[in-house]
Amino acid sequence: MKIAVVGATGMVGEIMLKVLAERNFPVTELIPVASEKSVGKEVEFKGKKYTIKSMEEAVMMKPDIALFSAGGSISLECAPKFAEVGTTVIDNSSAWRMDPTKKLIVPEINADSLTKEDKIIANPNCSTIQLVMALSPLHKQYGIKRVVVSTYQSITGTGVKAVRQLENEYKDVKGDMAYNYPIHRNAIPHCDVFEDNGYTKEEMKLVKETKKILRDDTVLVTATAVRIPVVGGHSETVNIEFEKDFDLGDVRQILHQTPGITVQDNTDTNTYPMPLYAEGKDDVFVGRIRRDESQKNTVNMWIVADNLRKGAATNTVQIAEYLVANKLV
């Protein structure tokens, strides 16, 4: 199993290598790929050193699977080149997500739609993944009418430059700014660029991707995305209106029985999800589950996940695992 990791030196690429090793993915040959300035340098994987290749070299090596985390423009240009030589690309950017000819996959929800013909597979937005992990089993049981979600997103979702900005601000050091404003001791209601409707691109990803993954355009979604000075993961307050009434105990039980979800919901012991504890873990954590007393058939919950793992690298590797297990590559 020949595996290329495109963007191997980036924040998500490094976690991809880590997750591949942790999960003992059957890599017989690793092909790390990065920008021209990194070509010839080395990365370590399972105690061995591997030389970083250029994009052209990697395509010529015809990997079985290419895990992409190199940005949308590179994915649009290079993913088809890999697909042409028979490689299955799993892309972490937004480039292919809303393409009607491409599958948008969270393995626990809709991997069953994948076939051998799917040569470019889209990995959803980090905020969307943790949201739909909780929504999907509840949608099957109760039918979701409307979702109101507010996100509190880690600076790691922006990248290394944002992490450096926060570190500089801690130390009162002037440096490059990833954001228009300080992030230390602040909350910035601005993730990605603003669109004509007044929402950010990040907020519209939550709207559109949720419908596509749930395979249901009737689900109404509205979102507000906020950047906060946190490293460990993204948090979301989620208000869900169902078609049917529900029992809170049943909601907890459904979530508890869903693979990939950990319920942390005990107000007696102050047990609830936090990015501090989600960091480095693959599960999606759900808590503060309570009935919305202002509206019938509606529940509130709090969802937290490590955006670099389940929100990106782990979900990508899980898609690859599904492809291998079902002989689709």
C-alpha atoms as a PDB file:
ATOM      1  CA  MET A   1       0.000   0.000   0.000  1.00  0.00           C
ATOM      2  CA  LYS A   2       1.783   3.060  -1.347  1.00  0.00           C
ATOM      3  CA  ILE A   3       0.598   6.215   0.481  1.00  0.00           C
ATOM      4  CA  ALA A   4       1.358   9.838  -0.406  1.00  0.00           C
ATOM      5  CA  VAL A   5       0.841  12.573   2.177  1.00  0.00           C
ATOM      6  CA  VAL A   6       0.602  15.882   0.325  1.00  0.00           C
ATOM      7  CA  GLY A   7       1.387  18.786   2.638  1.00  0.00           C
ATOM      8  CA  ALA A   8       3.396  16.496   4.923  1.00  0.00           C
ATOM      9  CA  THR A   9       5.214  19.360   6.689  1.00  0.00           C
ATOM     10  CA  GLY A  10       2.061  21.336   7.521  1.00  0.00           C
ATOM     11  CA  MET A  11       0.108  21.269  10.765  1.00  0.00           C
ATOM     12  CA  VAL A  12      -2.492  18.741   9.529  1.00  0.00           C
ATOM     13  CA  GLY A  13       0.032  16.789   7.432  1.00  0.00           C
ATOM     14  CA  GLU A  14       2.172  16.134  10.499  1.00  0.00           C
ATOM     15  CA  ILE A  15      -0.885  14.861  12.399  1.00  0.00           C
ATOM     16  CA  MET A  16      -1.807  12.656   9.411  1.00  0.00           C
ATOM     17  CA  LEU A  17       1.583  10.937   9.673  1.00  0.00           C
ATOM     18  CA  LYS A  18       1.071  10.540  13.412  1.00  0.00           C
ATOM     19  CA  VAL A  19      -2.435   9.066  12.987  1.00  0.00           C
ATOM     20  CA  LEU A  20      -1.294   6.676  10.226  1.00  0.00           C
ATOM     21  CA  ALA A  21       1.358   5.358  12.633  1.00  0.00           C
ATOM     22  CA  GLU A  22      -0.932   5.205  15.673  1.00  0.00           C
ATOM     23  CA  ARG A  23      -3.635   3.289  13.801  1.00  0.00           C
ATOM     24  CA  ASN A  24      -1.117   0.943  12.137  1.00  0.00           C
ATOM     25  CA  PHE A  25      -2.377   1.796   8.684  1.00  0.00           C
ATOM     26  CA  PRO A  26      -0.826  -0.719   6.225  1.00  0.00           C
ATOM     27  CA  VAL A  27       1.756   1.621   4.671  1.00  0.00           C
ATOM     28  CA  THR A  28       4.356  -0.306   2.670  1.00  0.00           C
ATOM     29  CA  GLU A  29       5.784   2.814   1.036  1.00  0.00           C
ATOM     30  CA  LEU A  30       5.371   6.376   2.289  1.00  0.00           C
ATOM     31  CA  ILE A  31       5.682   9.298  -0.127  1.00  0.00           C
ATOM     32  CA  PRO A  32       5.793  12.617   1.756  1.00  0.00           C
ATOM     33  CA  VAL A  33       5.078  15.580  -0.526  1.00  0.00           C
ATOM     34  CA  ALA A  34       5.524  19.275   0.253  1.00  0.00           C
ATOM     35  CA  SER A  35       6.321  22.619  -1.385  1.00  0.00           C
ATOM     36  CA  GLU A  36       9.426  23.077  -3.511  1.00  0.00           C
ATOM     37  CA  LYS A  37      11.358  24.653  -0.616  1.00  0.00           C
ATOM     38  CA  SER A  38      10.915  21.452   1.432  1.00  0.00           C
ATOM     39  CA  VAL A  39      11.797  18.966  -1.337  1.00  0.00           C
ATOM     40  CA  GLY A  40      14.852  16.922  -0.366  1.00  0.00           C
ATOM     41  CA  LYS A  41      14.352  17.422   3.374  1.00  0.00           C
ATOM     42  CA  GLU A  42      13.246  14.497   5.528  1.00  0.00           C
ATOM     43  CA  VAL A  43      10.271  13.555   7.677  1.00  0.00           C
ATOM     44  CA  GLU A  44      10.145  10.717  10.181  1.00  0.00           C
ATOM     45  CA  PHE A  45       7.518   7.987  10.152  1.00  0.00           C
ATOM     46  CA  LYS A  46       7.595   4.969  12.461  1.00  0.00           C
ATOM     47  CA  GLY A  47      11.245   5.538  13.265  1.00  0.00           C
ATOM     48  CA  LYS A  48      12.386   5.769   9.629  1.00  0.00           C
ATOM     49  CA  LYS A  49      13.397   8.830   7.625  1.00  0.00           C
ATOM     50  CA  TYR A  50      11.653   9.576   4.319  1.00  0.00           C
ATOM     51  CA  THR A  51      12.764  12.152   1.772  1.00  0.00           C
ATOM     52  CA  ILE A  52      10.182  14.747   0.762  1.00  0.00           C
ATOM     53  CA  LYS A  53       9.234  14.509  -2.918  1.00  0.00           C
ATOM     54  CA  SER A  54       7.922  17.093  -5.355  1.00  0.00           C
ATOM     55  CA  MET A  55       4.372  16.854  -6.637  1.00  0.00           C
ATOM     56  CA  GLU A  56       5.583  15.690 -10.068  1.00  0.00           C
ATOM     57  CA  GLU A  57       7.743  12.927  -8.558  1.00  0.00           C
ATOM     58  CA  ALA A  58       4.859  11.735  -6.377  1.00  0.00           C
ATOM     59  CA  VAL A  59       2.435  11.510  -9.314  1.00  0.00           C
ATOM     60  CA  MET A  60       4.985   9.472 -11.286  1.00  0.00           C
ATOM     61  CA  MET A  61       5.259   7.053  -8.336  1.00  0.00           C
ATOM     62  CA  LYS A  62       1.507   6.269  -8.693  1.00  0.00           C
ATOM     63  CA  PRO A  63       0.535   5.910  -5.015  1.00  0.00           C
ATOM     64  CA  ASP A  64      -2.565   3.866  -4.156  1.00  0.00           C
ATOM     65  CA  ILE A  65      -3.917   6.659  -1.954  1.00  0.00           C
ATOM     66  CA  ALA A  66      -2.931  10.335  -1.638  1.00  0.00           C
ATOM     67  CA  LEU A  67      -3.956  12.177   1.519  1.00  0.00           C
ATOM     68  CA  PHE A  68      -4.088  15.894   0.663  1.00  0.00           C
ATOM     69  CA  SER A  69      -3.745  18.768   3.100  1.00  0.00           C
ATOM     70  CA  ALA A  70      -2.140  21.468   0.993  1.00  0.00           C
ATOM     71  CA  GLY A  71      -4.871  24.048   0.383  1.00  0.00           C
ATOM     72  CA  GLY A  72      -7.679  24.413  -2.134  1.00  0.00           C
ATOM     73  CA  SER A  73      -5.782  25.807  -5.111  1.00  0.00           C
ATOM     74  CA  ILE A  74      -3.184  23.012  -4.982  1.00  0.00           C
ATOM     75  CA  SER A  75      -5.936  20.411  -4.635  1.00  0.00           C
ATOM     76  CA  LEU A  76      -7.806  21.765  -7.644  1.00  0.00           C
ATOM     77  CA  GLU A  77      -4.633  21.685  -9.730  1.00  0.00           C
ATOM     78  CA  CYS A  78      -3.005  18.464  -8.524  1.00  0.00           C
ATOM     79  CA  ALA A  79      -5.699  16.062  -7.271  1.00  0.00           C
ATOM     80  CA  PRO A  80      -6.861  15.333 -10.879  1.00  0.00           C
ATOM     81  CA  LYS A  81      -3.250  14.518 -11.854  1.00  0.00           C
ATOM     82  CA  PHE A  82      -3.109  11.823  -9.189  1.00  0.00           C
ATOM     83  CA  ALA A  83      -6.600  10.572 -10.114  1.00  0.00           C
ATOM     84  CA  GLU A  84      -5.496  10.225 -13.756  1.00  0.00           C
ATOM     85  CA  VAL A  85      -2.772   7.727 -12.796  1.00  0.00           C
ATOM     86  CA  GLY A  86      -5.226   5.664 -10.714  1.00  0.00           C
ATOM     87  CA  THR A  87      -4.559   7.153  -7.266  1.00  0.00           C
ATOM     88  CA  THR A  88      -7.506   7.690  -4.926  1.00  0.00           C
ATOM     89  CA  VAL A  89      -7.240  11.200  -3.461  1.00  0.00           C
ATOM     90  CA  ILE A  90      -8.754  12.086  -0.081  1.00  0.00           C
ATOM     91  CA  ASP A  91      -8.702  15.873   0.048  1.00  0.00           C
ATOM     92  CA  ASN A  92      -8.811  17.939   3.213  1.00  0.00           C
ATOM     93  CA  SER A  93      -9.432  21.344   1.575  1.00  0.00           C
ATOM     94  CA  SER A  94     -12.740  22.945   0.614  1.00  0.00           C
ATOM     95  CA  ALA A  95     -11.937  22.549  -3.117  1.00  0.00           C
ATOM     96  CA  TRP A  96     -14.161  19.556  -3.889  1.00  0.00           C
ATOM     97  CA  ARG A  97     -16.648  19.477  -1.024  1.00  0.00           C
ATOM     98  CA  MET A  98     -19.630  20.987  -2.786  1.00  0.00           C
ATOM     99  CA  ASP A  99     -18.825  19.523  -6.222  1.00  0.00           C
ATOM    100  CA  PRO A 100     -21.952  17.457  -7.027  1.00  0.00           C
ATOM    101  CA  THR A 101     -19.761  14.788  -8.659  1.00  0.00           C
ATOM    102  CA  LYS A 102     -17.656  14.266  -5.495  1.00  0.00           C
ATOM    103  CA  LYS A 103     -18.554  12.475  -2.245  1.00  0.00           C
ATOM    104  CA  LEU A 104     -18.228  14.365   1.055  1.00  0.00           C
ATOM    105  CA  ILE A 105     -17.477  11.702   3.643  1.00  0.00           C
ATOM    106  CA  VAL A 106     -17.632  11.165   7.393  1.00  0.00           C
ATOM    107  CA  PRO A 107     -17.023   7.394   7.576  1.00  0.00           C
ATOM    108  CA  GLU A 108     -19.421   6.723  10.478  1.00  0.00           C
ATOM    109  CA  ILE A 109     -22.233   8.385   8.504  1.00  0.00           C
ATOM    110  CA  ASN A 110     -21.946   7.918   4.750  1.00  0.00           C
ATOM    111  CA  ALA A 111     -18.877   5.877   3.757  1.00  0.00           C
ATOM    112  CA  ASP A 112     -21.309   3.290   2.356  1.00  0.00           C
ATOM    113  CA  SER A 113     -21.773   5.599  -0.650  1.00  0.00           C
ATOM    114  CA  LEU A 114     -18.138   5.154  -1.788  1.00  0.00           C
ATOM    115  CA  THR A 115     -17.202   3.093  -4.851  1.00  0.00           C
ATOM    116  CA  LYS A 116     -14.005   2.235  -6.756  1.00  0.00           C
ATOM    117  CA  GLU A 117     -14.906   4.979  -9.234  1.00  0.00           C
ATOM    118  CA  ASP A 118     -14.553   7.704  -6.566  1.00  0.00           C
ATOM    119  CA  LYS A 119     -11.023   8.890  -7.282  1.00  0.00           C
ATOM    120  CA  ILE A 120     -11.324  12.271  -5.527  1.00  0.00           C
ATOM    121  CA  ILE A 121     -13.065  12.133  -2.139  1.00  0.00           C
ATOM    122  CA  ALA A 122     -13.690  15.261  -0.069  1.00  0.00           C
ATOM    123  CA  ASN A 123     -13.040  15.478   3.668  1.00  0.00           C
ATOM    124  CA  PRO A 124     -15.513  17.883   5.331  1.00  0.00           C
ATOM    125  CA  ASN A 125     -14.763  21.066   7.230  1.00  0.00           C
ATOM    126  CA  CYS A 126     -13.563  20.437  10.796  1.00  0.00           C
ATOM    127  CA  SER A 127     -16.539  22.206  12.392  1.00  0.00           C
ATOM    128  CA  THR A 128     -18.979  20.292  10.203  1.00  0.00           C
ATOM    129  CA  ILE A 129     -17.521  16.870  11.055  1.00  0.00           C
ATOM    130  CA  GLN A 130     -18.055  17.171  14.799  1.00  0.00           C
ATOM    131  CA  LEU A 131     -21.511  18.674  14.258  1.00  0.00           C
ATOM    132  CA  VAL A 132     -22.837  15.943  11.942  1.00  0.00           C
ATOM    133  CA  MET A 133     -21.371  13.181  14.110  1.00  0.00           C
ATOM    134  CA  ALA A 134     -23.929  14.180  16.755  1.00  0.00           C
ATOM    135  CA  LEU A 135     -26.722  15.173  14.363  1.00  0.00           C
ATOM    136  CA  SER A 136     -26.783  12.043  12.202  1.00  0.00           C
ATOM    137  CA  PRO A 137     -28.028   9.438  14.726  1.00  0.00           C
ATOM    138  CA  LEU A 138     -30.564  11.910  16.136  1.00  0.00           C
ATOM    139  CA  HIS A 139     -31.809  12.793  12.649  1.00  0.00           C
ATOM    140  CA  LYS A 140     -32.486   9.112  11.964  1.00  0.00           C
ATOM    141  CA  GLN A 141     -34.491   8.806  15.184  1.00  0.00           C
ATOM    142  CA  TYR A 142     -36.373  12.096  15.426  1.00  0.00           C
ATOM    143  CA  GLY A 143     -36.047  13.935  12.098  1.00  0.00           C
ATOM    144  CA  ILE A 144     -34.236  17.282  12.343  1.00  0.00           C
ATOM    145  CA  LYS A 145     -36.098  20.400  11.210  1.00  0.00           C
ATOM    146  CA  ARG A 146     -33.622  23.123  12.130  1.00  0.00           C
ATOM    147  CA  VAL A 147     -30.145  23.555  13.621  1.00  0.00           C
ATOM    148  CA  VAL A 148     -28.732  26.744  15.144  1.00  0.00           C
ATOM    149  CA  VAL A 149     -24.984  26.384  15.731  1.00  0.00           C
ATOM    150  CA  SER A 150     -22.400  28.775  17.162  1.00  0.00           C
ATOM    151  CA  THR A 151     -18.763  27.703  17.016  1.00  0.00           C
ATOM    152  CA  TYR A 152     -15.863  28.650  19.268  1.00  0.00           C
ATOM    153  CA  GLN A 153     -12.906  27.700  17.115  1.00  0.00           C
ATOM    154  CA  SER A 154      -9.288  26.944  17.947  1.00  0.00           C
ATOM    155  CA  ILE A 155      -6.584  29.093  16.407  1.00  0.00           C
ATOM    156  CA  THR A 156      -5.007  25.879  15.077  1.00  0.00           C
ATOM    157  CA  GLY A 157      -7.763  25.917  12.459  1.00  0.00           C
ATOM    158  CA  THR A 158      -6.038  28.988  10.984  1.00  0.00           C
ATOM    159  CA  GLY A 159      -2.572  27.426  11.115  1.00  0.00           C
ATOM    160  CA  VAL A 160       0.927  27.908  12.460  1.00  0.00           C
ATOM    161  CA  LYS A 161       0.902  31.692  11.908  1.00  0.00           C
ATOM    162  CA  ALA A 162      -2.075  32.049  14.281  1.00  0.00           C
ATOM    163  CA  VAL A 163      -0.409  29.899  16.932  1.00  0.00           C
ATOM    164  CA  ARG A 164       2.671  32.116  16.709  1.00  0.00           C
ATOM    165  CA  GLN A 165       0.509  35.244  16.956  1.00  0.00           C
ATOM    166  CA  LEU A 166      -1.054  34.013  20.204  1.00  0.00           C
ATOM    167  CA  GLU A 167       2.329  32.967  21.623  1.00  0.00           C
ATOM    168  CA  ASN A 168       3.773  36.398  20.758  1.00  0.00           C
ATOM    169  CA  GLU A 169       0.835  38.149  22.401  1.00  0.00           C
ATOM    170  CA  TYR A 170       1.277  36.075  25.578  1.00  0.00           C
ATOM    171  CA  LYS A 171       4.848  37.366  25.735  1.00  0.00           C
ATOM    172  CA  ASP A 172       3.958  40.909  24.618  1.00  0.00           C
ATOM    173  CA  VAL A 173       6.162  40.484  21.545  1.00  0.00           C
ATOM    174  CA  LYS A 174       5.348  42.145  18.207  1.00  0.00           C
ATOM    175  CA  GLY A 175       5.213  39.744  15.238  1.00  0.00           C
ATOM    176  CA  ASP A 176       3.254  38.637  12.168  1.00  0.00           C
ATOM    177  CA  MET A 177      -0.514  38.812  12.578  1.00  0.00           C
ATOM    178  CA  ALA A 178      -2.730  35.987  11.314  1.00  0.00           C
ATOM    179  CA  TYR A 179      -5.819  38.007  12.255  1.00  0.00           C
ATOM    180  CA  ASN A 180      -6.850  41.644  11.870  1.00  0.00           C
ATOM    181  CA  TYR A 181      -6.968  41.947  15.667  1.00  0.00           C
ATOM    182  CA  PRO A 182      -5.228  40.530  18.747  1.00  0.00           C
ATOM    183  CA  ILE A 183      -6.521  37.034  19.627  1.00  0.00           C
ATOM    184  CA  HIS A 184      -5.174  36.866  23.205  1.00  0.00           C
ATOM    185  CA  ARG A 185      -7.982  37.756  25.640  1.00  0.00           C
ATOM    186  CA  ASN A 186     -10.300  38.225  22.671  1.00  0.00           C
ATOM    187  CA  ALA A 187     -13.013  36.536  20.593  1.00  0.00           C
ATOM    188  CA  ILE A 188     -13.184  37.335  16.883  1.00  0.00           C
ATOM    189  CA  PRO A 189     -16.566  36.654  15.166  1.00  0.00           C
ATOM    190  CA  HIS A 190     -14.858  36.232  11.814  1.00  0.00           C
ATOM    191  CA  CYS A 191     -13.692  32.828  10.496  1.00  0.00           C
ATOM    192  CA  ASP A 192     -12.681  32.866   6.812  1.00  0.00           C
ATOM    193  CA  VAL A 193     -13.887  35.593   4.411  1.00  0.00           C
ATOM    194  CA  PHE A 194     -17.256  37.352   4.408  1.00  0.00           C
ATOM    195  CA  GLU A 195     -19.716  36.495   1.659  1.00  0.00           C
ATOM    196  CA  ASP A 196     -22.372  38.702   0.051  1.00  0.00           C
ATOM    197  CA  ASN A 197     -25.075  37.488   2.456  1.00  0.00           C
ATOM    198  CA  GLY A 198     -23.133  38.743   5.507  1.00  0.00           C
ATOM    199  CA  TYR A 199     -22.124  35.250   6.621  1.00  0.00           C
ATOM    200  CA  THR A 200     -18.537  34.016   6.491  1.00  0.00           C
ATOM    201  CA  LYS A 201     -17.421  31.203   4.220  1.00  0.00           C
ATOM    202  CA  GLU A 202     -16.901  29.058   7.350  1.00  0.00           C
ATOM    203  CA  GLU A 203     -20.507  29.622   8.418  1.00  0.00           C
ATOM    204  CA  MET A 204     -21.831  28.709   4.973  1.00  0.00           C
ATOM    205  CA  LYS A 205     -19.686  25.546   4.959  1.00  0.00           C
ATOM    206  CA  LEU A 206     -21.569  24.443   8.068  1.00  0.00           C
ATOM    207  CA  VAL A 207     -24.877  25.091   6.310  1.00  0.00           C
ATOM    208  CA  LYS A 208     -24.126  23.434   2.969  1.00  0.00           C
ATOM    209  CA  GLU A 209     -21.908  20.550   4.075  1.00  0.00           C
ATOM    210  CA  THR A 210     -24.320  19.434   6.799  1.00  0.00           C
ATOM    211  CA  LYS A 211     -27.126  19.011   4.270  1.00  0.00           C
ATOM    212  CA  LYS A 212     -24.862  17.100   1.861  1.00  0.00           C
ATOM    213  CA  ILE A 213     -23.496  14.688   4.488  1.00  0.00           C
ATOM    214  CA  LEU A 214     -26.927  14.027   6.024  1.00  0.00           C
ATOM    215  CA  ARG A 215     -28.264  13.599   2.463  1.00  0.00           C
ATOM    216  CA  ASP A 216     -31.203  15.829   3.339  1.00  0.00           C
ATOM    217  CA  ASP A 217     -31.701  19.318   1.881  1.00  0.00           C
ATOM    218  CA  THR A 218     -34.769  19.913   4.072  1.00  0.00           C
ATOM    219  CA  VAL A 219     -32.644  20.330   7.227  1.00  0.00           C
ATOM    220  CA  LEU A 220     -32.398  24.068   7.950  1.00  0.00           C
ATOM    221  CA  VAL A 221     -29.063  25.267   9.351  1.00  0.00           C
ATOM    222  CA  THR A 222     -27.876  28.695  10.490  1.00  0.00           C
ATOM    223  CA  ALA A 223     -24.417  29.332  11.912  1.00  0.00           C
ATOM    224  CA  THR A 224     -22.129  31.852  13.611  1.00  0.00           C
ATOM    225  CA  ALA A 225     -18.402  31.043  13.719  1.00  0.00           C
ATOM    226  CA  VAL A 226     -16.100  32.656  16.290  1.00  0.00           C
ATOM    227  CA  ARG A 227     -12.326  32.375  16.715  1.00  0.00           C
ATOM    228  CA  ILE A 228     -11.123  32.147  20.328  1.00  0.00           C
ATOM    229  CA  PRO A 229      -7.627  31.936  21.917  1.00  0.00           C
ATOM    230  CA  VAL A 230      -7.725  28.156  22.398  1.00  0.00           C
ATOM    231  CA  VAL A 231      -5.401  25.493  21.006  1.00  0.00           C
ATOM    232  CA  GLY A 232      -7.014  22.124  21.842  1.00  0.00           C
ATOM    233  CA  GLY A 233     -10.060  21.994  19.590  1.00  0.00           C
ATOM    234  CA  HIS A 234     -13.313  23.505  18.400  1.00  0.00           C
ATOM    235  CA  SER A 235     -16.406  23.856  20.600  1.00  0.00           C
ATOM    236  CA  GLU A 236     -20.005  24.321  19.432  1.00  0.00           C
ATOM    237  CA  THR A 237     -23.281  25.287  21.057  1.00  0.00           C
ATOM    238  CA  VAL A 238     -25.993  23.524  19.089  1.00  0.00           C
ATOM    239  CA  ASN A 239     -29.765  23.992  19.244  1.00  0.00           C
ATOM    240  CA  ILE A 240     -31.673  21.247  17.384  1.00  0.00           C
ATOM    241  CA  GLU A 241     -35.390  21.298  16.593  1.00  0.00           C
ATOM    242  CA  PHE A 242     -36.857  17.857  15.814  1.00  0.00           C
ATOM    243  CA  GLU A 243     -39.980  16.768  13.955  1.00  0.00           C
ATOM    244  CA  LYS A 244     -40.847  14.443  16.878  1.00  0.00           C
ATOM    245  CA  ASP A 245     -40.724  14.766  20.636  1.00  0.00           C
ATOM    246  CA  PHE A 246     -37.942  12.994  22.489  1.00  0.00           C
ATOM    247  CA  ASP A 247     -36.883  11.685  25.879  1.00  0.00           C
ATOM    248  CA  LEU A 248     -33.615  13.193  27.143  1.00  0.00           C
ATOM    249  CA  GLY A 249     -32.453   9.820  28.423  1.00  0.00           C
ATOM    250  CA  ASP A 250     -33.017   8.312  24.994  1.00  0.00           C
ATOM    251  CA  VAL A 251     -31.058  11.139  23.343  1.00  0.00           C
ATOM    252  CA  ARG A 252     -28.124  10.476  25.678  1.00  0.00           C
ATOM    253  CA  GLN A 253     -28.353   6.732  25.037  1.00  0.00           C
ATOM    254  CA  ILE A 254     -28.431   7.167  21.235  1.00  0.00           C
ATOM    255  CA  LEU A 255     -25.332   9.373  21.384  1.00  0.00           C
ATOM    256  CA  HIS A 256     -23.617   7.017  23.853  1.00  0.00           C
ATOM    257  CA  GLN A 257     -24.134   4.091  21.464  1.00  0.00           C
ATOM    258  CA  THR A 258     -22.805   5.997  18.430  1.00  0.00           C
ATOM    259  CA  PRO A 259     -19.247   4.957  17.464  1.00  0.00           C
ATOM    260  CA  GLY A 260     -16.860   7.905  17.667  1.00  0.00           C
ATOM    261  CA  ILE A 261     -18.901   9.834  20.246  1.00  0.00           C
ATOM    262  CA  THR A 262     -18.183  10.118  23.963  1.00  0.00           C
ATOM    263  CA  VAL A 263     -20.970  11.548  26.111  1.00  0.00           C
ATOM    264  CA  GLN A 264     -19.711  13.700  28.998  1.00  0.00           C
ATOM    265  CA  ASP A 265     -22.872  14.978  30.623  1.00  0.00           C
ATOM    266  CA  ASN A 266     -23.114  15.028  34.418  1.00  0.00           C
ATOM    267  CA  THR A 267     -23.839  18.394  36.003  1.00  0.00           C
ATOM    268  CA  ASP A 268     -23.559  16.864  39.525  1.00  0.00           C
ATOM    269  CA  THR A 269     -19.834  16.308  38.966  1.00  0.00           C
ATOM    270  CA  ASN A 270     -19.285  19.269  36.591  1.00  0.00           C
ATOM    271  CA  THR A 271     -18.560  16.818  33.775  1.00  0.00           C
ATOM    272  CA  TYR A 272     -18.795  18.318  30.294  1.00  0.00           C
ATOM    273  CA  PRO A 273     -16.639  18.487  27.159  1.00  0.00           C
ATOM    274  CA  MET A 274     -13.788  20.982  26.929  1.00  0.00           C
ATOM    275  CA  PRO A 275     -11.060  21.493  24.311  1.00  0.00           C
ATOM    276  CA  LEU A 276      -8.483  21.113  27.095  1.00  0.00           C
ATOM    277  CA  TYR A 277      -9.412  17.408  27.327  1.00  0.00           C
ATOM    278  CA  ALA A 278     -10.373  16.819  23.680  1.00  0.00           C
ATOM    279  CA  GLU A 279      -6.871  17.715  22.451  1.00  0.00           C
ATOM    280  CA  GLY A 280      -5.053  14.711  21.012  1.00  0.00           C
ATOM    281  CA  LYS A 281      -8.155  12.499  21.028  1.00  0.00           C
ATOM    282  CA  ASP A 282     -10.153  11.154  18.084  1.00  0.00           C
ATOM    283  CA  ASP A 283     -13.661  11.101  19.559  1.00  0.00           C
ATOM    284  CA  VAL A 284     -16.304  13.808  19.389  1.00  0.00           C
ATOM    285  CA  PHE A 285     -17.412  14.799  22.902  1.00  0.00           C
ATOM    286  CA  VAL A 286     -21.023  15.773  23.639  1.00  0.00           C
ATOM    287  CA  GLY A 287     -22.483  17.219  26.832  1.00  0.00           C
ATOM    288  CA  ARG A 288     -24.746  19.891  28.395  1.00  0.00           C
ATOM    289  CA  ILE A 289     -27.651  17.962  26.852  1.00  0.00           C
ATOM    290  CA  ARG A 290     -30.876  19.669  27.905  1.00  0.00           C
ATOM    291  CA  ARG A 291     -34.333  20.450  26.645  1.00  0.00           C
ATOM    292  CA  ASP A 292     -34.921  23.909  25.151  1.00  0.00           C
ATOM    293  CA  GLU A 293     -37.696  25.164  27.407  1.00  0.00           C
ATOM    294  CA  SER A 294     -38.624  27.966  25.004  1.00  0.00           C
ATOM    295  CA  GLN A 295     -39.685  25.714  22.123  1.00  0.00           C
ATOM    296  CA  LYS A 296     -41.174  22.221  21.757  1.00  0.00           C
ATOM    297  CA  ASN A 297     -39.214  19.237  20.382  1.00  0.00           C
ATOM    298  CA  THR A 298     -35.925  21.124  20.750  1.00  0.00           C
ATOM    299  CA  VAL A 299     -32.686  20.173  22.506  1.00  0.00           C
ATOM    300  CA  ASN A 300     -29.502  22.076  23.358  1.00  0.00           C
ATOM    301  CA  MET A 301     -26.061  20.485  23.471  1.00  0.00           C
ATOM    302  CA  TRP A 302     -22.350  21.313  23.564  1.00  0.00           C
ATOM    303  CA  ILE A 303     -20.016  19.530  21.120  1.00  0.00           C
ATOM    304  CA  VAL A 304     -16.204  19.546  21.294  1.00  0.00           C
ATOM    305  CA  ALA A 305     -13.538  17.835  19.169  1.00  0.00           C
ATOM    306  CA  ASP A 306      -9.864  18.187  18.299  1.00  0.00           C
ATOM    307  CA  ASN A 307     -10.087  19.981  14.945  1.00  0.00           C
ATOM    308  CA  LEU A 308      -6.708  18.669  13.776  1.00  0.00           C
ATOM    309  CA  ARG A 309      -7.615  15.038  14.483  1.00  0.00           C
ATOM    310  CA  LYS A 310     -11.264  14.000  13.945  1.00  0.00           C
ATOM    311  CA  GLY A 311     -11.812  17.392  12.324  1.00  0.00           C
ATOM    312  CA  ALA A 312      -9.089  16.721   9.746  1.00  0.00           C
ATOM    313  CA  ALA A 313      -6.346  14.060   9.903  1.00  0.00           C
ATOM    314  CA  THR A 314      -8.194  11.229  11.654  1.00  0.00           C
ATOM    315  CA  ASN A 315     -11.286  11.509   9.474  1.00  0.00           C
ATOM    316  CA  THR A 316      -9.049  11.434   6.380  1.00  0.00           C
ATOM    317  CA  VAL A 317      -7.249   8.292   7.576  1.00  0.00           C
ATOM    318  CA  GLN A 318     -10.570   6.660   8.519  1.00  0.00           C
ATOM    319  CA  ILE A 319     -11.778   7.175   4.946  1.00  0.00           C
ATOM    320  CA  ALA A 320      -8.591   5.491   3.719  1.00  0.00           C
ATOM    321  CA  GLU A 321      -9.156   2.626   6.163  1.00  0.00           C
ATOM    322  CA  TYR A 322     -12.668   2.138   4.804  1.00  0.00           C
ATOM    323  CA  LEU A 323     -11.372   2.063   1.227  1.00  0.00           C
ATOM    324  CA  VAL A 324      -8.778  -0.580   2.103  1.00  0.00           C
ATOM    325  CA  ALA A 325     -11.149  -2.709   4.216  1.00  0.00           C
ATOM    326  CA  ASN A 326     -13.738  -2.749   1.434  1.00  0.00           C
ATOM    327  CA  LYS A 327     -11.200  -3.308  -1.366  1.00  0.00           C
ATOM    328  CA  LEU A 328     -12.069  -0.016  -3.065  1.00  0.00           C
ATOM    329  CA  VAL A 329      -8.402   0.767  -3.841  1.00  0.00           C
END
